[in-house]
């Protein structure tokens, strides 16, 4: 859950084949008064038949939009605020039994305990130190020089320290394996707005441009000029991407070409304990003093002003940047906004950092 106690993100879910994934960004208020009144005070939400128990305009419409007909949702409330939820749901009505609800509650309680244990805020500097220590024997055996450049001020992240250390160790191991003896490897950590970047650069054999796109695919082993004994199944980078995405981050690779080294960059969101105002200032500080815009105060006034396809058809406006602001955040909703001609899709209530970043992009263009 976001600090506003309404916006929440489902980054990953498990679903049977043929069922709709619910991964996406949502507003809790759209799920109706029964959901909000229960979950925000720490009570389970138990619905056996969405259409029979909820009104279309009071939650049923939203549940139906993402293929949910029955649900048990267990909340986690800390310091009077809803901070997380876990749910079991299905695409057909189901009369949940007391034993089933109890079983779900028991699983959820064990999950909360594990999450609390492995994700307290962690200083990224500690994670980097652990990963470097793990990888040092391999680096030293190959005669590589290692440089680590990090800010002195702690960068606090809400992460599983073991898994992110595993991510960095994997990247350092790859750099060591695919850099000829006596090479140079650098780890650079920087803060950029509301996130941190962690880059691993090497002077190794590099990567061809046509191979960059498939580096992170499972069981893909990009052709290398090194001995095959240094290779493997190619699953390391797929695991790196999966772990980083589970933490709400991203990872990418870049290389000038074969023989010119490589750079792998991990981006992770700062922890909630870092000052959000400071993070926002990093984005907004570079905005121009004035970004020209035409404003309509409400939807009835805005509709005659134009729709996406109509605006695109006007001479001189083919390149205008259009952003949809909506309470609907499922993957299908995002697909439909793209098909309608919108460039970006923001969920209400809009996050100031995201709006500022979009305005900055427009100004630079």
Protein backbone atom coordinates (compact mmCIF):
# COMPACT_ATOMS: atom_id res chain seq x y z
CA UNK A 1 0.00 0.00 0.00
CA UNK A 2 1.10 3.58 -0.72
CA UNK A 3 1.21 6.09 2.17
CA UNK A 4 -2.14 7.55 1.02
CA UNK A 5 -3.78 4.30 2.30
CA UNK A 6 -5.57 3.87 -1.04
CA UNK A 7 -3.22 3.16 -3.94
CA UNK A 8 -1.66 -0.30 -4.02
CA UNK A 9 0.41 -2.43 -6.37
CA UNK A 10 0.21 -6.14 -7.11
CA UNK A 11 3.64 -6.82 -8.60
CA UNK A 12 3.24 -10.57 -9.01
CA UNK A 13 0.56 -13.19 -8.55
CA UNK A 14 0.13 -16.92 -8.96
CA UNK A 15 -2.80 -18.06 -11.07
CA UNK A 16 -3.91 -21.23 -12.78
CA UNK A 17 -3.64 -21.47 -16.54
CA UNK A 18 -6.46 -19.58 -18.20
CA UNK A 19 -7.19 -17.36 -15.19
CA UNK A 20 -6.66 -13.60 -15.40
CA UNK A 21 -3.58 -12.16 -13.71
CA UNK A 22 -4.38 -9.33 -11.31
CA UNK A 23 -0.92 -7.75 -11.44
CA UNK A 24 -1.26 -3.97 -11.72
CA UNK A 25 -1.80 -0.72 -9.83
CA UNK A 26 -5.16 -0.04 -8.17
CA UNK A 27 -7.19 2.29 -5.97
CA UNK A 28 -8.70 0.50 -2.97
CA UNK A 29 -11.71 2.84 -2.96
CA UNK A 30 -12.81 1.40 -6.31
CA UNK A 31 -13.42 -1.98 -4.64
CA UNK A 32 -16.31 -0.55 -2.66
CA UNK A 33 -17.31 0.35 0.88
CA UNK A 34 -17.33 -3.22 2.18
CA UNK A 35 -13.70 -3.75 1.17
CA UNK A 36 -12.47 -0.42 2.48
CA UNK A 37 -14.39 -0.53 5.78
CA UNK A 38 -13.03 -3.99 6.60
CA UNK A 39 -9.49 -3.93 5.29
CA UNK A 40 -8.50 -0.50 6.60
CA UNK A 41 -9.28 -1.53 10.17
CA UNK A 42 -7.66 -4.95 9.92
CA UNK A 43 -10.74 -7.15 9.31
CA UNK A 44 -10.75 -9.86 6.66
CA UNK A 45 -12.81 -9.32 3.53
CA UNK A 46 -14.75 -12.50 2.75
CA UNK A 47 -17.04 -12.48 -0.30
CA UNK A 48 -18.54 -15.70 -1.65
CA UNK A 49 -20.43 -14.21 -4.61
CA UNK A 50 -19.44 -10.74 -5.81
CA UNK A 51 -22.58 -10.21 -7.91
CA UNK A 52 -24.98 -11.25 -5.14
CA UNK A 53 -23.25 -9.57 -2.21
CA UNK A 54 -21.99 -6.32 -3.74
CA UNK A 55 -23.70 -3.62 -5.78
CA UNK A 56 -22.29 -2.95 -9.29
CA UNK A 57 -21.39 0.63 -8.32
CA UNK A 58 -20.04 -0.37 -4.91
CA UNK A 59 -17.23 -2.79 -5.69
CA UNK A 60 -18.77 -5.48 -7.89
CA UNK A 61 -17.83 -3.64 -11.08
CA UNK A 62 -14.16 -3.45 -10.11
CA UNK A 63 -13.97 -7.07 -8.99
CA UNK A 64 -15.64 -8.21 -12.21
CA UNK A 65 -13.23 -6.10 -14.28
CA UNK A 66 -10.32 -8.23 -13.07
CA UNK A 67 -12.14 -11.56 -13.16
CA UNK A 68 -12.90 -12.00 -9.44
CA UNK A 69 -16.20 -13.59 -8.33
CA UNK A 70 -15.17 -14.75 -4.83
CA UNK A 71 -12.38 -13.57 -2.54
CA UNK A 72 -10.81 -13.83 0.90
CA UNK A 73 -8.47 -10.90 1.54
CA UNK A 74 -6.43 -10.61 4.74
CA UNK A 75 -5.03 -7.16 5.67
CA UNK A 76 -1.94 -6.11 7.59
CA UNK A 77 -2.50 -2.95 9.63
CA UNK A 78 0.46 -1.32 11.41
CA UNK A 79 0.29 1.87 13.47
CA UNK A 80 -3.34 2.32 12.42
CA UNK A 81 -2.62 2.18 8.68
CA UNK A 82 -3.24 -0.54 6.12
CA UNK A 83 0.22 -1.41 4.76
CA UNK A 84 -0.28 -4.69 2.88
CA UNK A 85 -2.82 -7.29 1.83
CA UNK A 86 -2.80 -10.91 0.70
CA UNK A 87 -5.72 -12.55 -1.06
CA UNK A 88 -7.08 -15.80 -2.47
CA UNK A 89 -9.75 -15.44 -5.12
CA UNK A 90 -11.34 -17.22 -8.05
CA UNK A 91 -13.41 -16.56 -11.15
CA UNK A 92 -16.55 -18.34 -9.93
CA UNK A 93 -18.69 -17.94 -6.77
CA UNK A 94 -17.53 -20.02 -3.83
CA UNK A 95 -19.18 -20.50 -0.41
CA UNK A 96 -16.03 -20.19 1.73
CA UNK A 97 -16.08 -22.50 4.75
CA UNK A 98 -14.77 -21.50 8.16
CA UNK A 99 -11.96 -24.05 7.78
CA UNK A 100 -10.91 -22.55 4.43
CA UNK A 101 -10.82 -19.02 5.84
CA UNK A 102 -8.84 -20.27 8.85
CA UNK A 103 -6.36 -22.00 6.55
CA UNK A 104 -5.86 -18.82 4.50
CA UNK A 105 -5.39 -16.80 7.70
CA UNK A 106 -2.77 -19.27 8.95
CA UNK A 107 -0.80 -19.11 5.69
CA UNK A 108 -0.98 -15.32 5.67
CA UNK A 109 0.24 -15.07 9.27
CA UNK A 110 3.27 -17.19 8.43
CA UNK A 111 3.96 -15.05 5.37
CA UNK A 112 3.78 -11.81 7.39
CA UNK A 113 6.25 -13.23 9.91
CA UNK A 114 8.68 -14.14 7.14
CA UNK A 115 8.31 -10.79 5.38
CA UNK A 116 8.89 -8.89 8.62
CA UNK A 117 12.00 -10.97 9.26
CA UNK A 118 13.66 -10.52 5.85
CA UNK A 119 12.42 -6.98 5.00
CA UNK A 120 13.20 -4.54 7.64
CA UNK A 121 14.90 -1.26 6.10
CA UNK A 122 18.46 -2.10 5.04
CA UNK A 123 21.34 0.20 4.10
CA UNK A 124 22.37 -0.62 0.53
CA UNK A 125 26.00 -0.09 1.51
CA UNK A 126 25.77 -3.16 3.77
CA UNK A 127 24.34 -5.26 0.94
CA UNK A 128 27.09 -4.17 -1.46
CA UNK A 129 29.75 -4.99 1.13
CA UNK A 130 28.33 -8.48 1.62
CA UNK A 131 28.17 -9.16 -2.13
CA UNK A 132 31.72 -7.93 -2.70
CA UNK A 133 33.01 -10.13 0.12
CA UNK A 134 31.30 -13.15 -1.44
CA UNK A 135 32.70 -12.44 -4.92
CA UNK A 136 36.20 -11.37 -3.90
CA UNK A 137 37.88 -14.83 -4.23
CA UNK A 138 36.74 -15.11 -7.85
CA UNK A 139 37.87 -11.56 -8.64
CA UNK A 140 41.27 -12.04 -7.03
CA UNK A 141 41.84 -15.40 -8.74
CA UNK A 142 41.47 -13.67 -12.12
CA UNK A 143 43.69 -10.76 -11.10
CA UNK A 144 40.94 -8.17 -11.57
CA UNK A 145 41.09 -4.71 -10.00
CA UNK A 146 37.84 -3.79 -8.21
CA UNK A 147 36.69 -0.23 -7.49
CA UNK A 148 33.61 0.54 -5.39
CA UNK A 149 32.10 4.04 -5.40
CA UNK A 150 29.18 4.67 -3.01
CA UNK A 151 27.72 7.70 -1.21
CA UNK A 152 28.71 8.08 2.44
CA UNK A 153 25.12 8.76 3.56
CA UNK A 154 23.13 5.53 4.13
CA UNK A 155 20.71 4.62 1.34
CA UNK A 156 17.86 2.76 3.05
CA UNK A 157 15.86 0.26 0.99
CA UNK A 158 12.94 -2.00 1.98
CA UNK A 159 14.47 -5.18 0.60
CA UNK A 160 15.35 -8.76 1.27
CA UNK A 161 19.06 -8.13 1.88
CA UNK A 162 20.06 -11.72 1.09
CA UNK A 163 18.34 -11.69 -2.31
CA UNK A 164 19.68 -8.30 -3.43
CA UNK A 165 23.15 -9.36 -2.30
CA UNK A 166 22.65 -12.43 -4.46
CA UNK A 167 21.76 -10.18 -7.40
CA UNK A 168 24.97 -8.16 -7.07
CA UNK A 169 27.10 -11.27 -6.48
CA UNK A 170 25.72 -12.76 -9.68
CA UNK A 171 26.58 -9.63 -11.67
CA UNK A 172 30.09 -9.50 -10.17
CA UNK A 173 30.64 -13.19 -10.94
CA UNK A 174 29.60 -12.67 -14.54
CA UNK A 175 31.90 -9.67 -14.83
CA UNK A 176 34.79 -11.73 -13.46
CA UNK A 177 34.12 -14.68 -15.76
CA UNK A 178 33.76 -12.67 -18.94
CA UNK A 179 36.65 -10.27 -18.38
CA UNK A 180 40.14 -11.42 -19.45
CA UNK A 181 42.66 -11.74 -16.58
CA UNK A 182 43.91 -8.45 -15.18
CA UNK A 183 40.74 -6.53 -16.03
CA UNK A 184 38.97 -3.75 -14.19
CA UNK A 185 35.53 -4.00 -12.58
CA UNK A 186 33.71 -1.07 -10.98
CA UNK A 187 30.62 -0.95 -8.76
CA UNK A 188 28.91 2.45 -8.65
CA UNK A 189 25.94 3.35 -6.44
CA UNK A 190 23.99 6.57 -6.94
CA UNK A 191 20.76 8.10 -5.69
CA UNK A 192 18.46 9.55 -8.36
CA UNK A 193 15.20 11.02 -7.05
CA UNK A 194 13.13 8.29 -5.44
CA UNK A 195 15.37 5.42 -6.49
CA UNK A 196 18.94 4.20 -6.37
CA UNK A 197 21.01 2.87 -9.25
CA UNK A 198 23.63 0.18 -8.82
CA UNK A 199 25.91 -0.27 -11.83
CA UNK A 200 28.52 -2.99 -12.45
CA UNK A 201 30.98 -2.08 -15.22
CA UNK A 202 33.74 -4.28 -16.61
CA UNK A 203 36.47 -4.14 -19.26
CA UNK A 204 35.49 -7.57 -20.54
CA UNK A 205 34.61 -9.07 -23.88
CA UNK A 206 31.45 -6.99 -24.32
CA UNK A 207 28.13 -7.90 -25.86
CA UNK A 208 26.94 -7.59 -29.45
CA UNK A 209 24.00 -5.23 -29.94
CA UNK A 210 21.76 -8.00 -31.29
CA UNK A 211 22.33 -10.07 -28.13
CA UNK A 212 21.42 -7.42 -25.54
CA UNK A 213 17.66 -7.95 -25.84
CA UNK A 214 17.81 -11.65 -24.92
CA UNK A 215 20.38 -11.54 -22.14
CA UNK A 216 17.80 -11.89 -19.37
CA UNK A 217 15.77 -14.71 -20.95
CA UNK A 218 15.75 -18.07 -19.17
CA UNK A 219 18.22 -20.63 -20.58
CA UNK A 220 19.74 -18.15 -23.03
CA UNK A 221 23.51 -18.37 -23.26
CA UNK A 222 24.78 -15.53 -25.43
CA UNK A 223 27.73 -16.61 -27.59
CA UNK A 224 30.97 -15.80 -25.82
CA UNK A 225 34.57 -16.01 -26.97
CA UNK A 226 35.70 -17.54 -23.68
CA UNK A 227 36.25 -21.19 -22.92
CA UNK A 228 32.94 -23.09 -22.52
CA UNK A 229 33.95 -24.06 -19.00
CA UNK A 230 33.23 -20.46 -17.98
CA UNK A 231 29.71 -20.68 -19.28
CA UNK A 232 26.67 -22.32 -17.74
CA UNK A 233 22.97 -22.76 -18.29
CA UNK A 234 22.34 -19.06 -18.73
CA UNK A 235 19.81 -18.91 -15.88
CA UNK A 236 21.75 -16.47 -13.71
CA UNK A 237 20.58 -13.25 -15.36
CA UNK A 238 16.99 -14.50 -15.56
CA UNK A 239 17.08 -14.97 -11.79
CA UNK A 240 18.61 -11.50 -11.37
CA UNK A 241 15.76 -9.90 -13.31
CA UNK A 242 13.11 -11.87 -11.40
CA UNK A 243 14.48 -10.92 -7.99
CA UNK A 244 14.85 -7.25 -8.93
CA UNK A 245 11.31 -7.08 -10.32
CA UNK A 246 9.90 -8.64 -7.15
CA UNK A 247 11.44 -5.67 -5.32
CA UNK A 248 9.71 -3.18 -7.63
CA UNK A 249 12.89 -2.46 -9.57
CA UNK A 250 14.39 -3.05 -13.00
CA UNK A 251 17.68 -4.22 -14.50
CA UNK A 252 19.25 -3.50 -17.86
CA UNK A 253 22.45 -4.14 -19.81
CA UNK A 254 24.53 -1.97 -22.13
CA UNK A 255 27.72 -2.46 -24.12
CA UNK A 256 29.51 -0.48 -26.87
CA UNK A 257 30.11 -3.81 -28.58
CA UNK A 258 32.36 -6.90 -28.59
CA UNK A 259 35.65 -6.34 -26.83
CA UNK A 260 34.54 -3.07 -25.25
CA UNK A 261 33.19 -4.13 -21.89
CA UNK A 262 29.67 -4.19 -20.41
CA UNK A 263 27.54 -2.36 -17.87
CA UNK A 264 24.67 -3.89 -15.91
CA UNK A 265 22.46 -1.41 -14.07
CA UNK A 266 19.97 -2.26 -11.30
CA UNK A 267 17.36 0.30 -10.25
CA UNK A 268 15.54 -0.04 -6.91
CA UNK A 269 13.05 2.22 -5.12
CA UNK A 270 14.19 3.95 -1.96
CA UNK A 271 12.68 2.69 1.28
CA UNK A 272 9.67 4.34 2.89
CA UNK A 273 11.89 5.63 5.71
CA UNK A 274 13.75 7.91 3.31
CA UNK A 275 12.26 11.40 3.18
CA UNK A 276 9.78 11.41 0.24
CA UNK A 277 9.88 15.19 -0.03
CA UNK A 278 13.62 15.05 -0.65
CA UNK A 279 13.17 12.39 -3.30
CA UNK A 280 10.46 14.41 -5.05
CA UNK A 281 12.64 17.52 -5.03
CA UNK A 282 15.26 15.68 -7.05
CA UNK A 283 12.73 15.25 -9.87
CA UNK A 284 11.09 18.64 -9.67
CA UNK A 285 14.22 20.74 -9.33
CA UNK A 286 15.04 20.51 -13.05
CA UNK A 287 11.55 21.42 -14.30
CA UNK A 288 11.24 24.55 -16.41
CA UNK A 289 9.61 27.55 -14.78
CA UNK A 290 6.63 27.30 -17.13
CA UNK A 291 5.16 24.39 -19.08
CA UNK A 292 2.38 25.66 -21.39
CA UNK A 293 -0.93 23.81 -20.98
CA UNK A 294 -4.63 24.25 -21.60
CA UNK A 295 -6.68 23.29 -18.54
CA UNK A 296 -10.30 22.24 -18.16
CA UNK A 297 -11.60 22.03 -14.60
CA UNK A 298 -13.91 19.03 -14.98
CA UNK A 299 -14.85 16.14 -17.25
CA UNK A 300 -17.96 17.74 -18.87
CA UNK A 301 -15.88 20.73 -19.89
CA UNK A 302 -12.96 18.57 -20.97
CA UNK A 303 -14.83 16.20 -23.27
CA UNK A 304 -15.66 18.82 -25.94
CA UNK A 305 -12.01 19.90 -25.82
CA UNK A 306 -11.08 16.68 -27.57
CA UNK A 307 -10.44 12.95 -27.28
CA UNK A 308 -7.19 11.18 -28.00
CA UNK A 309 -7.89 10.07 -31.57
CA UNK A 310 -9.48 13.41 -32.49
CA UNK A 311 -6.48 15.33 -31.15
CA UNK A 312 -4.05 13.14 -33.09
CA UNK A 313 -5.94 13.96 -36.29
CA UNK A 314 -5.55 17.74 -35.95
CA UNK A 315 -2.83 19.33 -38.12
CA UNK A 316 0.25 20.10 -36.08
CA UNK A 317 -0.81 17.96 -33.12
CA UNK A 318 0.38 14.59 -34.40
CA UNK A 319 3.20 14.58 -31.84
CA UNK A 320 1.25 15.83 -28.81
CA UNK A 321 1.80 13.78 -25.66
CA UNK A 322 -1.42 12.44 -24.10
CA UNK A 323 -1.77 11.03 -20.58
CA UNK A 324 -4.80 9.14 -19.28
CA UNK A 325 -5.70 9.77 -15.61
CA UNK A 326 -8.11 7.09 -14.43
CA UNK A 327 -9.20 4.99 -11.49
CA UNK A 328 -8.86 1.79 -13.53
CA UNK A 329 -5.43 0.19 -13.37
CA UNK A 330 -5.63 -3.42 -14.56
CA UNK A 331 -3.50 -4.60 -17.48
CA UNK A 332 -6.55 -4.65 -19.77
CA UNK A 333 -7.35 -1.04 -18.85
CA UNK A 334 -3.81 0.00 -19.70
CA UNK A 335 -4.03 -1.83 -23.01
CA UNK A 336 -7.25 -0.03 -23.89
CA UNK A 337 -5.80 3.39 -23.06
CA UNK A 338 -2.86 2.66 -25.39
CA UNK A 339 -5.21 1.55 -28.14
CA UNK A 340 -7.20 4.77 -27.66
CA UNK A 341 -4.07 6.77 -28.41
CA UNK A 342 -2.71 7.70 -24.98
CA UNK A 343 1.06 7.70 -24.38
CA UNK A 344 0.93 7.24 -20.60
CA UNK A 345 -1.52 5.81 -18.05
CA UNK A 346 -1.68 7.28 -14.51
CA UNK A 347 -3.88 5.96 -11.71
CA UNK A 348 -5.88 8.29 -9.47
CA UNK A 349 -4.84 9.79 -7.20
CA UNK A 350 -1.84 10.82 -9.30
CA UNK A 351 1.55 10.62 -7.61
CA UNK A 352 3.30 14.03 -7.82
CA UNK A 353 6.66 12.44 -8.67
CA UNK A 354 5.16 10.68 -11.71
CA UNK A 355 3.44 13.85 -12.95
CA UNK A 356 6.64 15.86 -12.50
CA UNK A 357 8.65 13.26 -14.41
CA UNK A 358 6.17 13.32 -17.32
CA UNK A 359 6.23 17.13 -17.46
CA UNK A 360 10.01 17.02 -17.49
CA UNK A 361 9.97 14.62 -20.45
CA UNK A 362 7.58 16.90 -22.34
CA UNK A 363 9.71 19.97 -21.62
CA UNK A 364 12.84 18.26 -22.88
CA UNK A 365 11.13 17.17 -26.09
